[in-house]
Amino acid sequence: MEDSIFQLFIVGVLWGSTNPFLKAATNKVKRNKTFNIISEIVDHVTNWQYLIPFIINQCGSLLFYFTLKYSDISLAVPITNGVSLVSTSIVGTLIGEEKPKFSKFINNLNYKIV
């Protein structure tokens, strides 16, 4: 059980730390309305600033999938989502995104509880 909690923590860090990089790389993609889906796929696959965080994020997803075999899902989801939220906030602030406001956290918690 202790190993699975550590693995879930790692998953949350992998997911959360890649979110700001994926957001930043996605904002740089030029939108083409004619071939929107095809152009976005090509842009993402050829953009290393998107591709590397995406691969790391997917490694976190694989670890999450295999960790679910040994852990209770009622603990796995809140642990990974909580760690991911904190990791996203920290990494996003470190790379220069707008600092998260406390009221947004409260609203987010309110939404998830209700």
PDB file of N, CA and C in Angstrom:
ATOM      1  N   MET A   1       0.823  -1.200   0.000  1.00  0.00           N
ATOM      2  CA  MET A   1       0.000   0.000   0.000  1.00  0.00           C
ATOM      3  C   MET A   1       0.864   1.260   0.000  1.00  0.00           C
ATOM      4  N   GLU A   2       1.949   1.244   0.788  1.00  0.00           N
ATOM      5  CA  GLU A   2       2.827   2.416   0.841  1.00  0.00           C
ATOM      6  C   GLU A   2       3.472   2.675  -0.514  1.00  0.00           C
ATOM      7  N   ASP A   3       3.838   1.592  -1.213  1.00  0.00           N
ATOM      8  CA  ASP A   3       4.424   1.753  -2.543  1.00  0.00           C
ATOM      9  C   ASP A   3       3.428   2.384  -3.506  1.00  0.00           C
ATOM     10  N   SER A   4       2.176   1.958  -3.422  1.00  0.00           N
ATOM     11  CA  SER A   4       1.183   2.504  -4.347  1.00  0.00           C
ATOM     12  C   SER A   4       0.895   3.975  -4.043  1.00  0.00           C
ATOM     13  N   ILE A   5       0.932   4.376  -2.777  1.00  0.00           N
ATOM     14  CA  ILE A   5       0.734   5.794  -2.448  1.00  0.00           C
ATOM     15  C   ILE A   5       1.877   6.618  -3.013  1.00  0.00           C
ATOM     16  N   PHE A   6       3.101   6.114  -2.899  1.00  0.00           N
ATOM     17  CA  PHE A   6       4.244   6.825  -3.475  1.00  0.00           C
ATOM     18  C   PHE A   6       4.105   6.920  -4.992  1.00  0.00           C
ATOM     19  N   GLN A   7       3.676   5.835  -5.630  1.00  0.00           N
ATOM     20  CA  GLN A   7       3.492   5.845  -7.084  1.00  0.00           C
ATOM     21  C   GLN A   7       2.385   6.809  -7.499  1.00  0.00           C
ATOM     22  N   LEU A   8       1.312   6.878  -6.721  1.00  0.00           N
ATOM     23  CA  LEU A   8       0.238   7.826  -7.020  1.00  0.00           C
ATOM     24  C   LEU A   8       0.720   9.265  -6.859  1.00  0.00           C
ATOM     25  N   PHE A   9       1.576   9.488  -5.877  1.00  0.00           N
ATOM     26  CA  PHE A   9       2.174  10.809  -5.698  1.00  0.00           C
ATOM     27  C   PHE A   9       3.013  11.175  -6.923  1.00  0.00           C
ATOM     28  N   ILE A  10       3.799  10.226  -7.416  1.00  0.00           N
ATOM     29  CA  ILE A  10       4.623  10.453  -8.612  1.00  0.00           C
ATOM     30  C   ILE A  10       3.728  10.751  -9.822  1.00  0.00           C
ATOM     31  N   VAL A  11       2.628  10.021  -9.952  1.00  0.00           N
ATOM     32  CA  VAL A  11       1.687  10.268 -11.054  1.00  0.00           C
ATOM     33  C   VAL A  11       1.157  11.697 -10.986  1.00  0.00           C
ATOM     34  N   GLY A  12       0.765  12.131  -9.795  1.00  0.00           N
ATOM     35  CA  GLY A  12       0.266  13.495  -9.631  1.00  0.00           C
ATOM     36  C   GLY A  12       1.301  14.539 -10.003  1.00  0.00           C
ATOM     37  N   VAL A  13       2.555  14.278  -9.636  1.00  0.00           N
ATOM     38  CA  VAL A  13       3.634  15.209  -9.987  1.00  0.00           C
ATOM     39  C   VAL A  13       3.855  15.213 -11.500  1.00  0.00           C
ATOM     40  N   LEU A  14       3.854  14.041 -12.123  1.00  0.00           N
ATOM     41  CA  LEU A  14       4.037  13.972 -13.580  1.00  0.00           C
ATOM     42  C   LEU A  14       2.908  14.699 -14.311  1.00  0.00           C
ATOM     43  N   TRP A  15       1.674  14.433 -13.907  1.00  0.00           N
ATOM     44  CA  TRP A  15       0.544  15.097 -14.552  1.00  0.00           C
ATOM     45  C   TRP A  15       0.571  16.602 -14.308  1.00  0.00           C
ATOM     46  N   GLY A  16       0.744  16.972 -13.058  1.00  0.00           N
ATOM     47  CA  GLY A  16       0.674  18.388 -12.710  1.00  0.00           C
ATOM     48  C   GLY A  16       1.811  19.214 -13.266  1.00  0.00           C
ATOM     49  N   SER A  17       3.001  18.645 -13.293  1.00  0.00           N
ATOM     50  CA  SER A  17       4.149  19.424 -13.765  1.00  0.00           C
ATOM     51  C   SER A  17       4.157  19.581 -15.283  1.00  0.00           C
ATOM     52  N   THR A  18       3.470  18.716 -15.996  1.00  0.00           N
ATOM     53  CA  THR A  18       3.434  18.849 -17.456  1.00  0.00           C
ATOM     54  C   THR A  18       2.283  19.725 -17.944  1.00  0.00           C
ATOM     55  N   ASN A  19       1.255  19.909 -17.138  1.00  0.00           N
ATOM     56  CA  ASN A  19       0.101  20.707 -17.571  1.00  0.00           C
ATOM     57  C   ASN A  19       0.460  22.121 -18.026  1.00  0.00           C
ATOM     58  N   PRO A  20       1.257  22.883 -17.265  1.00  0.00           N
ATOM     59  CA  PRO A  20       1.591  24.240 -17.727  1.00  0.00           C
ATOM     60  C   PRO A  20       2.386  24.252 -19.033  1.00  0.00           C
ATOM     61  N   PHE A  21       3.254  23.263 -19.217  1.00  0.00           N
ATOM     62  CA  PHE A  21       4.036  23.192 -20.458  1.00  0.00           C
ATOM     63  C   PHE A  21       3.146  22.842 -21.648  1.00  0.00           C
ATOM     64  N   LEU A  22       2.186  21.942 -21.444  1.00  0.00           N
ATOM     65  CA  LEU A  22       1.240  21.603 -22.510  1.00  0.00           C
ATOM     66  C   LEU A  22       0.381  22.817 -22.871  1.00  0.00           C
ATOM     67  N   LYS A  23      -0.048  23.545 -21.859  1.00  0.00           N
ATOM     68  CA  LYS A  23      -0.851  24.744 -22.104  1.00  0.00           C
ATOM     69  C   LYS A  23      -0.051  25.784 -22.883  1.00  0.00           C
ATOM     70  N   ALA A  24       1.201  25.999 -22.478  1.00  0.00           N
ATOM     71  CA  ALA A  24       2.040  26.991 -23.159  1.00  0.00           C
ATOM     72  C   ALA A  24       2.308  26.584 -24.605  1.00  0.00           C
ATOM     73  N   ALA A  25       2.581  25.308 -24.836  1.00  0.00           N
ATOM     74  CA  ALA A  25       2.862  24.841 -26.197  1.00  0.00           C
ATOM     75  C   ALA A  25       1.610  24.880 -27.065  1.00  0.00           C
ATOM     76  N   THR A  26       0.454  24.625 -26.480  1.00  0.00           N
ATOM     77  CA  THR A  26      -0.795  24.647 -27.232  1.00  0.00           C
ATOM     78  C   THR A  26      -1.169  26.068 -27.630  1.00  0.00           C
ATOM     79  N   ASN A  27      -0.870  27.034 -26.782  1.00  0.00           N
ATOM     80  CA  ASN A  27      -1.187  28.431 -27.104  1.00  0.00           C
ATOM     81  C   ASN A  27      -0.380  28.945 -28.281  1.00  0.00           C
ATOM     82  N   LYS A  28       0.764  28.314 -28.565  1.00  0.00           N
ATOM     83  CA  LYS A  28       1.623  28.757 -29.662  1.00  0.00           C
ATOM     84  C   LYS A  28       1.204  28.185 -31.015  1.00  0.00           C
ATOM     85  N   VAL A  29       0.313  27.202 -31.014  1.00  0.00           N
ATOM     86  CA  VAL A  29      -0.101  26.546 -32.257  1.00  0.00           C
ATOM     87  C   VAL A  29      -0.977  27.495 -33.065  1.00  0.00           C
ATOM     88  N   LYS A  30      -0.662  27.613 -34.342  1.00  0.00           N
ATOM     89  CA  LYS A  30      -1.462  28.448 -35.239  1.00  0.00           C
ATOM     90  C   LYS A  30      -2.709  27.674 -35.636  1.00  0.00           C
ATOM     91  N   ARG A  31      -3.842  28.319 -35.560  1.00  0.00           N
ATOM     92  CA  ARG A  31      -5.112  27.672 -35.881  1.00  0.00           C
ATOM     93  C   ARG A  31      -5.421  27.814 -37.369  1.00  0.00           C
ATOM     94  N   ASN A  32      -5.739  26.691 -37.990  1.00  0.00           N
ATOM     95  CA  ASN A  32      -6.125  26.669 -39.396  1.00  0.00           C
ATOM     96  C   ASN A  32      -7.538  26.102 -39.450  1.00  0.00           C
ATOM     97  N   LYS A  33      -8.507  26.914 -39.806  1.00  0.00           N
ATOM     98  CA  LYS A  33      -9.901  26.483 -39.747  1.00  0.00           C
ATOM     99  C   LYS A  33     -10.267  25.480 -40.829  1.00  0.00           C
ATOM    100  N   THR A  34      -9.549  25.471 -41.936  1.00  0.00           N
ATOM    101  CA  THR A  34      -9.882  24.570 -43.027  1.00  0.00           C
ATOM    102  C   THR A  34      -9.589  23.119 -42.656  1.00  0.00           C
ATOM    103  N   PHE A  35      -8.384  22.863 -42.207  1.00  0.00           N
ATOM    104  CA  PHE A  35      -7.982  21.509 -41.821  1.00  0.00           C
ATOM    105  C   PHE A  35      -7.631  21.504 -40.340  1.00  0.00           C
ATOM    106  N   ASN A  36      -8.570  21.865 -39.516  1.00  0.00           N
ATOM    107  CA  ASN A  36      -8.314  22.086 -38.104  1.00  0.00           C
ATOM    108  C   ASN A  36      -7.751  20.854 -37.403  1.00  0.00           C
ATOM    109  N   ILE A  37      -8.404  19.730 -37.517  1.00  0.00           N
ATOM    110  CA  ILE A  37      -7.973  18.532 -36.797  1.00  0.00           C
ATOM    111  C   ILE A  37      -6.627  18.044 -37.319  1.00  0.00           C
ATOM    112  N   ILE A  38      -6.498  17.946 -38.622  1.00  0.00           N
ATOM    113  CA  ILE A  38      -5.253  17.455 -39.215  1.00  0.00           C
ATOM    114  C   ILE A  38      -4.099  18.393 -38.900  1.00  0.00           C
ATOM    115  N   SER A  39      -4.334  19.687 -39.023  1.00  0.00           N
ATOM    116  CA  SER A  39      -3.245  20.641 -38.768  1.00  0.00           C
ATOM    117  C   SER A  39      -2.829  20.635 -37.303  1.00  0.00           C
ATOM    118  N   GLU A  40      -3.782  20.466 -36.389  1.00  0.00           N
ATOM    119  CA  GLU A  40      -3.425  20.416 -34.969  1.00  0.00           C
ATOM    120  C   GLU A  40      -2.611  19.169 -34.653  1.00  0.00           C
ATOM    121  N   ILE A  41      -2.979  18.037 -35.221  1.00  0.00           N
ATOM    122  CA  ILE A  41      -2.216  16.807 -34.984  1.00  0.00           C
ATOM    123  C   ILE A  41      -0.794  16.966 -35.510  1.00  0.00           C
ATOM    124  N   VAL A  42      -0.659  17.478 -36.723  1.00  0.00           N
ATOM    125  CA  VAL A  42       0.671  17.683 -37.305  1.00  0.00           C
ATOM    126  C   VAL A  42       1.469  18.677 -36.468  1.00  0.00           C
ATOM    127  N   ASP A  43       0.832  19.767 -36.055  1.00  0.00           N
ATOM    128  CA  ASP A  43       1.524  20.765 -35.235  1.00  0.00           C
ATOM    129  C   ASP A  43       1.997  20.176 -33.909  1.00  0.00           C
ATOM    130  N   HIS A  44       1.157  19.371 -33.280  1.00  0.00           N
ATOM    131  CA  HIS A  44       1.532  18.783 -31.989  1.00  0.00           C
ATOM    132  C   HIS A  44       2.644  17.747 -32.137  1.00  0.00           C
ATOM    133  N   VAL A  45       2.567  16.929 -33.164  1.00  0.00           N
ATOM    134  CA  VAL A  45       3.573  15.879 -33.351  1.00  0.00           C
ATOM    135  C   VAL A  45       4.928  16.467 -33.736  1.00  0.00           C
ATOM    136  N   THR A  46       4.920  17.570 -34.457  1.00  0.00           N
ATOM    137  CA  THR A  46       6.186  18.172 -34.893  1.00  0.00           C
ATOM    138  C   THR A  46       6.719  19.228 -33.930  1.00  0.00           C
ATOM    139  N   ASN A  47       5.978  19.545 -32.884  1.00  0.00           N
ATOM    140  CA  ASN A  47       6.396  20.557 -31.919  1.00  0.00           C
ATOM    141  C   ASN A  47       6.993  19.869 -30.691  1.00  0.00           C
ATOM    142  N   TRP A  48       8.306  19.919 -30.542  1.00  0.00           N
ATOM    143  CA  TRP A  48       8.962  19.235 -29.422  1.00  0.00           C
ATOM    144  C   TRP A  48       8.553  19.841 -28.079  1.00  0.00           C
ATOM    145  N   GLN A  49       8.167  21.116 -28.061  1.00  0.00           N
ATOM    146  CA  GLN A  49       7.751  21.750 -26.809  1.00  0.00           C
ATOM    147  C   GLN A  49       6.415  21.198 -26.324  1.00  0.00           C
ATOM    148  N   TYR A  50       5.648  20.624 -27.207  1.00  0.00           N
ATOM    149  CA  TYR A  50       4.413  19.950 -26.836  1.00  0.00           C
ATOM    150  C   TYR A  50       4.649  18.454 -26.646  1.00  0.00           C
ATOM    151  N   LEU A  51       5.425  17.865 -27.532  1.00  0.00           N
ATOM    152  CA  LEU A  51       5.581  16.413 -27.574  1.00  0.00           C
ATOM    153  C   LEU A  51       6.265  15.851 -26.325  1.00  0.00           C
ATOM    154  N   ILE A  52       7.319  16.505 -25.853  1.00  0.00           N
ATOM    155  CA  ILE A  52       8.041  15.995 -24.678  1.00  0.00           C
ATOM    156  C   ILE A  52       7.158  16.005 -23.426  1.00  0.00           C
ATOM    157  N   PRO A  53       6.482  17.130 -23.089  1.00  0.00           N
ATOM    158  CA  PRO A  53       5.581  17.076 -21.929  1.00  0.00           C
ATOM    159  C   PRO A  53       4.435  16.079 -22.112  1.00  0.00           C
ATOM    160  N   PHE A  54       3.958  15.929 -23.349  1.00  0.00           N
ATOM    161  CA  PHE A  54       2.877  14.984 -23.607  1.00  0.00           C
ATOM    162  C   PHE A  54       3.325  13.552 -23.317  1.00  0.00           C
ATOM    163  N   ILE A  55       4.522  13.195 -23.752  1.00  0.00           N
ATOM    164  CA  ILE A  55       5.041  11.842 -23.506  1.00  0.00           C
ATOM    165  C   ILE A  55       5.227  11.609 -22.007  1.00  0.00           C
ATOM    166  N   ILE A  56       5.758  12.605 -21.301  1.00  0.00           N
ATOM    167  CA  ILE A  56       5.928  12.483 -19.849  1.00  0.00           C
ATOM    168  C   ILE A  56       4.564  12.325 -19.179  1.00  0.00           C
ATOM    169  N   ASN A  57       3.585  13.098 -19.629  1.00  0.00           N
ATOM    170  CA  ASN A  57       2.233  13.023 -19.090  1.00  0.00           C
ATOM    171  C   ASN A  57       1.643  11.631 -19.310  1.00  0.00           C
ATOM    172  N   GLN A  58       1.856  11.069 -20.486  1.00  0.00           N
ATOM    173  CA  GLN A  58       1.336   9.739 -20.785  1.00  0.00           C
ATOM    174  C   GLN A  58       2.051   8.649 -19.987  1.00  0.00           C
ATOM    175  N   CYS A  59       3.324   8.858 -19.677  1.00  0.00           N
ATOM    176  CA  CYS A  59       4.032   7.924 -18.786  1.00  0.00           C
ATOM    177  C   CYS A  59       3.375   7.925 -17.411  1.00  0.00           C
ATOM    178  N   GLY A  60       2.954   9.108 -16.958  1.00  0.00           N
ATOM    179  CA  GLY A  60       2.207   9.199 -15.704  1.00  0.00           C
ATOM    180  C   GLY A  60       0.897   8.438 -15.784  1.00  0.00           C
ATOM    181  N   SER A  61       0.239   8.515 -16.927  1.00  0.00           N
ATOM    182  CA  SER A  61      -1.017   7.785 -17.106  1.00  0.00           C
ATOM    183  C   SER A  61      -0.800   6.275 -17.075  1.00  0.00           C
ATOM    184  N   LEU A  62       0.279   5.813 -17.694  1.00  0.00           N
ATOM    185  CA  LEU A  62       0.596   4.374 -17.639  1.00  0.00           C
ATOM    186  C   LEU A  62       0.885   3.926 -16.211  1.00  0.00           C
ATOM    187  N   LEU A  63       1.659   4.720 -15.486  1.00  0.00           N
ATOM    188  CA  LEU A  63       1.951   4.392 -14.090  1.00  0.00           C
ATOM    189  C   LEU A  63       0.665   4.371 -13.272  1.00  0.00           C
ATOM    190  N   PHE A  64      -0.234   5.313 -13.520  1.00  0.00           N
ATOM    191  CA  PHE A  64      -1.520   5.349 -12.820  1.00  0.00           C
ATOM    192  C   PHE A  64      -2.319   4.077 -13.104  1.00  0.00           C
ATOM    193  N   TYR A  65      -2.360   3.690 -14.360  1.00  0.00           N
ATOM    194  CA  TYR A  65      -3.099   2.497 -14.760  1.00  0.00           C
ATOM    195  C   TYR A  65      -2.566   1.254 -14.041  1.00  0.00           C
ATOM    196  N   PHE A  66      -1.255   1.091 -14.010  1.00  0.00           N
ATOM    197  CA  PHE A  66      -0.675  -0.085 -13.364  1.00  0.00           C
ATOM    198  C   PHE A  66      -0.762  -0.006 -11.842  1.00  0.00           C
ATOM    199  N   THR A  67      -0.764   1.189 -11.289  1.00  0.00           N
ATOM    200  CA  THR A  67      -0.873   1.352  -9.839  1.00  0.00           C
ATOM    201  C   THR A  67      -2.282   1.039  -9.356  1.00  0.00           C
ATOM    202  N   LEU A  68      -3.276   1.242 -10.203  1.00  0.00           N
ATOM    203  CA  LEU A  68      -4.658   0.944  -9.807  1.00  0.00           C
ATOM    204  C   LEU A  68      -4.855  -0.528  -9.469  1.00  0.00           C
ATOM    205  N   LYS A  69      -3.989  -1.376  -9.994  1.00  0.00           N
ATOM    206  CA  LYS A  69      -4.083  -2.806  -9.704  1.00  0.00           C
ATOM    207  C   LYS A  69      -3.867  -3.080  -8.212  1.00  0.00           C
ATOM    208  N   TYR A  70      -3.048  -2.240  -7.564  1.00  0.00           N
ATOM    209  CA  TYR A  70      -2.677  -2.479  -6.173  1.00  0.00           C
ATOM    210  C   TYR A  70      -3.280  -1.473  -5.195  1.00  0.00           C
ATOM    211  N   SER A  71      -4.077  -0.548  -5.682  1.00  0.00           N
ATOM    212  CA  SER A  71      -4.592   0.482  -4.781  1.00  0.00           C
ATOM    213  C   SER A  71      -6.101   0.623  -4.919  1.00  0.00           C
ATOM    214  N   ASP A  72      -6.688   1.211  -3.902  1.00  0.00           N
ATOM    215  CA  ASP A  72      -8.121   1.457  -3.878  1.00  0.00           C
ATOM    216  C   ASP A  72      -8.423   2.718  -4.682  1.00  0.00           C
ATOM    217  N   ILE A  73      -9.354   2.624  -5.601  1.00  0.00           N
ATOM    218  CA  ILE A  73      -9.635   3.770  -6.479  1.00  0.00           C
ATOM    219  C   ILE A  73     -10.180   4.960  -5.697  1.00  0.00           C
ATOM    220  N   SER A  74     -10.847   4.695  -4.564  1.00  0.00           N
ATOM    221  CA  SER A  74     -11.375   5.802  -3.765  1.00  0.00           C
ATOM    222  C   SER A  74     -10.258   6.608  -3.110  1.00  0.00           C
ATOM    223  N   LEU A  75      -9.066   6.048  -3.022  1.00  0.00           N
ATOM    224  CA  LEU A  75      -7.892   6.790  -2.549  1.00  0.00           C
ATOM    225  C   LEU A  75      -7.033   7.273  -3.707  1.00  0.00           C
ATOM    226  N   ALA A  76      -6.971   6.487  -4.764  1.00  0.00           N
ATOM    227  CA  ALA A  76      -6.079   6.803  -5.883  1.00  0.00           C
ATOM    228  C   ALA A  76      -6.456   8.108  -6.571  1.00  0.00           C
ATOM    229  N   VAL A  77      -7.719   8.295  -6.843  1.00  0.00           N
ATOM    230  CA  VAL A  77      -8.156   9.484  -7.584  1.00  0.00           C
ATOM    231  C   VAL A  77      -7.942  10.768  -6.783  1.00  0.00           C
ATOM    232  N   PRO A  78      -8.371  10.838  -5.509  1.00  0.00           N
ATOM    233  CA  PRO A  78      -8.126  12.087  -4.768  1.00  0.00           C
ATOM    234  C   PRO A  78      -6.642  12.389  -4.552  1.00  0.00           C
ATOM    235  N   ILE A  79      -5.839  11.360  -4.330  1.00  0.00           N
ATOM    236  CA  ILE A  79      -4.402  11.593  -4.121  1.00  0.00           C
ATOM    237  C   ILE A  79      -3.779  12.168  -5.385  1.00  0.00           C
ATOM    238  N   THR A  80      -4.008  11.525  -6.519  1.00  0.00           N
ATOM    239  CA  THR A  80      -3.382  12.000  -7.759  1.00  0.00           C
ATOM    240  C   THR A  80      -3.918  13.368  -8.174  1.00  0.00           C
ATOM    241  N   ASN A  81      -5.211  13.588  -8.034  1.00  0.00           N
ATOM    242  CA  ASN A  81      -5.770  14.885  -8.421  1.00  0.00           C
ATOM    243  C   ASN A  81      -5.290  16.003  -7.506  1.00  0.00           C
ATOM    244  N   GLY A  82      -5.186  15.727  -6.216  1.00  0.00           N
ATOM    245  CA  GLY A  82      -4.699  16.742  -5.282  1.00  0.00           C
ATOM    246  C   GLY A  82      -3.250  17.112  -5.543  1.00  0.00           C
ATOM    247  N   VAL A  83      -2.412  16.098  -5.720  1.00  0.00           N
ATOM    248  CA  VAL A  83      -0.995  16.352  -6.002  1.00  0.00           C
ATOM    249  C   VAL A  83      -0.843  17.037  -7.355  1.00  0.00           C
ATOM    250  N   SER A  84      -1.651  16.635  -8.316  1.00  0.00           N
ATOM    251  CA  SER A  84      -1.607  17.261  -9.636  1.00  0.00           C
ATOM    252  C   SER A  84      -1.987  18.740  -9.564  1.00  0.00           C
ATOM    253  N   LEU A  85      -2.997  19.068  -8.788  1.00  0.00           N
ATOM    254  CA  LEU A  85      -3.425  20.459  -8.631  1.00  0.00           C
ATOM    255  C   LEU A  85      -2.315  21.316  -8.036  1.00  0.00           C
ATOM    256  N   VAL A  86      -1.694  20.808  -6.982  1.00  0.00           N
ATOM    257  CA  VAL A  86      -0.606  21.554  -6.337  1.00  0.00           C
ATOM    258  C   VAL A  86       0.592  21.668  -7.277  1.00  0.00           C
ATOM    259  N   SER A  87       0.936  20.581  -7.958  1.00  0.00           N
ATOM    260  CA  SER A  87       2.075  20.598  -8.887  1.00  0.00           C
ATOM    261  C   SER A  87       1.844  21.567 -10.041  1.00  0.00           C
ATOM    262  N   THR A  88       0.630  21.582 -10.564  1.00  0.00           N
ATOM    263  CA  THR A  88       0.310  22.505 -11.649  1.00  0.00           C
ATOM    264  C   THR A  88       0.477  23.949 -11.189  1.00  0.00           C
ATOM    265  N   SER A  89       0.014  24.243  -9.993  1.00  0.00           N
ATOM    266  CA  SER A  89       0.130  25.607  -9.465  1.00  0.00           C
ATOM    267  C   SER A  89       1.580  26.013  -9.270  1.00  0.00           C
ATOM    268  N   ILE A  90       2.377  25.120  -8.704  1.00  0.00           N
ATOM    269  CA  ILE A  90       3.784  25.443  -8.437  1.00  0.00           C
ATOM    270  C   ILE A  90       4.560  25.619  -9.739  1.00  0.00           C
ATOM    271  N   VAL A  91       4.457  24.652 -10.629  1.00  0.00           N
ATOM    272  CA  VAL A  91       5.215  24.721 -11.886  1.00  0.00           C
ATOM    273  C   VAL A  91       4.721  25.879 -12.746  1.00  0.00           C
ATOM    274  N   GLY A  92       3.419  26.089 -12.796  1.00  0.00           N
ATOM    275  CA  GLY A  92       2.881  27.206 -13.564  1.00  0.00           C
ATOM    276  C   GLY A  92       3.408  28.542 -13.068  1.00  0.00           C
ATOM    277  N   THR A  93       3.486  28.701 -11.764  1.00  0.00           N
ATOM    278  CA  THR A  93       4.033  29.931 -11.191  1.00  0.00           C
ATOM    279  C   THR A  93       5.514  30.061 -11.512  1.00  0.00           C
ATOM    280  N   LEU A  94       6.245  28.955 -11.455  1.00  0.00           N
ATOM    281  CA  LEU A  94       7.687  28.993 -11.731  1.00  0.00           C
ATOM    282  C   LEU A  94       8.002  29.357 -13.179  1.00  0.00           C
ATOM    283  N   ILE A  95       7.145  28.970 -14.113  1.00  0.00           N
ATOM    284  CA  ILE A  95       7.434  29.289 -15.521  1.00  0.00           C
ATOM    285  C   ILE A  95       6.787  30.597 -15.967  1.00  0.00           C
ATOM    286  N   GLY A  96       6.149  31.302 -15.040  1.00  0.00           N
ATOM    287  CA  GLY A  96       5.669  32.640 -15.350  1.00  0.00           C
ATOM    288  C   GLY A  96       4.198  32.776 -15.661  1.00  0.00           C
ATOM    289  N   GLU A  97       3.414  31.748 -15.391  1.00  0.00           N
ATOM    290  CA  GLU A  97       1.972  31.893 -15.565  1.00  0.00           C
ATOM    291  C   GLU A  97       1.432  32.792 -14.454  1.00  0.00           C
ATOM    292  N   GLU A  98       0.212  33.248 -14.656  1.00  0.00           N
ATOM    293  CA  GLU A  98      -0.432  34.064 -13.628  1.00  0.00           C
ATOM    294  C   GLU A  98      -0.547  33.246 -12.343  1.00  0.00           C
ATOM    295  N   LYS A  99      -0.231  33.871 -11.227  1.00  0.00           N
ATOM    296  CA  LYS A  99      -0.306  33.161  -9.954  1.00  0.00           C
ATOM    297  C   LYS A  99      -1.758  32.816  -9.647  1.00  0.00           C
ATOM    298  N   PRO A 100      -1.986  31.584  -9.177  1.00  0.00           N
ATOM    299  CA  PRO A 100      -3.364  31.188  -8.877  1.00  0.00           C
ATOM    300  C   PRO A 100      -3.911  31.984  -7.697  1.00  0.00           C
ATOM    301  N   LYS A 101      -5.162  32.351  -7.794  1.00  0.00           N
ATOM    302  CA  LYS A 101      -5.810  33.108  -6.733  1.00  0.00           C
ATOM    303  C   LYS A 101      -6.494  32.134  -5.775  1.00  0.00           C
ATOM    304  N   PHE A 102      -6.472  32.482  -4.497  1.00  0.00           N
ATOM    305  CA  PHE A 102      -7.054  31.627  -3.471  1.00  0.00           C
ATOM    306  C   PHE A 102      -8.538  31.388  -3.740  1.00  0.00           C
ATOM    307  N   SER A 103      -9.238  32.403  -4.235  1.00  0.00           N
ATOM    308  CA  SER A 103     -10.674  32.258  -4.498  1.00  0.00           C
ATOM    309  C   SER A 103     -10.945  31.207  -5.577  1.00  0.00           C
ATOM    310  N   LYS A 104     -10.030  31.067  -6.546  1.00  0.00           N
ATOM    311  CA  LYS A 104     -10.199  30.038  -7.576  1.00  0.00           C
ATOM    312  C   LYS A 104     -10.085  28.642  -6.972  1.00  0.00           C
ATOM    313  N   PHE A 105      -9.158  28.480  -6.002  1.00  0.00           N
ATOM    314  CA  PHE A 105      -9.039  27.187  -5.331  1.00  0.00           C
ATOM    315  C   PHE A 105     -10.325  26.853  -4.581  1.00  0.00           C
ATOM    316  N   ILE A 106     -10.870  27.837  -3.875  1.00  0.00           N
ATOM    317  CA  ILE A 106     -12.096  27.606  -3.111  1.00  0.00           C
ATOM    318  C   ILE A 106     -13.248  27.269  -4.057  1.00  0.00           C
ATOM    319  N   ASN A 107     -13.368  28.009  -5.144  1.00  0.00           N
ATOM    320  CA  ASN A 107     -14.425  27.712  -6.121  1.00  0.00           C
ATOM    321  C   ASN A 107     -14.250  26.325  -6.716  1.00  0.00           C
ATOM    322  N   ASN A 108     -13.024  25.933  -6.993  1.00  0.00           N
ATOM    323  CA  ASN A 108     -12.738  24.613  -7.545  1.00  0.00           C
ATOM    324  C   ASN A 108     -13.111  23.530  -6.538  1.00  0.00           C
ATOM    325  N   LEU A 109     -12.755  23.728  -5.278  1.00  0.00           N
ATOM    326  CA  LEU A 109     -13.117  22.759  -4.241  1.00  0.00           C
ATOM    327  C   LEU A 109     -14.630  22.685  -4.086  1.00  0.00           C
ATOM    328  N   ASN A 110     -15.288  23.825  -4.101  1.00  0.00           N
ATOM    329  CA  ASN A 110     -16.739  23.874  -4.003  1.00  0.00           C
ATOM    330  C   ASN A 110     -17.379  23.076  -5.120  1.00  0.00           C
ATOM    331  N   TYR A 111     -16.874  23.241  -6.323  1.00  0.00           N
ATOM    332  CA  TYR A 111     -17.422  22.550  -7.484  1.00  0.00           C
ATOM    333  C   TYR A 111     -17.252  21.039  -7.350  1.00  0.00           C
ATOM    334  N   LYS A 112     -16.093  20.595  -6.869  1.00  0.00           N
ATOM    335  CA  LYS A 112     -15.828  19.157  -6.769  1.00  0.00           C
ATOM    336  C   LYS A 112     -16.620  18.514  -5.638  1.00  0.00           C
ATOM    337  N   ILE A 113     -16.886  19.269  -4.581  1.00  0.00           N
ATOM    338  CA  ILE A 113     -17.623  18.710  -3.444  1.00  0.00           C
ATOM    339  C   ILE A 113     -19.099  18.563  -3.781  1.00  0.00           C
ATOM    340  N   VAL A 114     -19.646  19.541  -4.461  1.00  0.00           N
ATOM    341  CA  VAL A 114     -21.077  19.540  -4.781  1.00  0.00           C
ATOM    342  C   VAL A 114     -21.334  18.690  -5.955  1.00  0.00           C
TER     343      VAL A 114
END
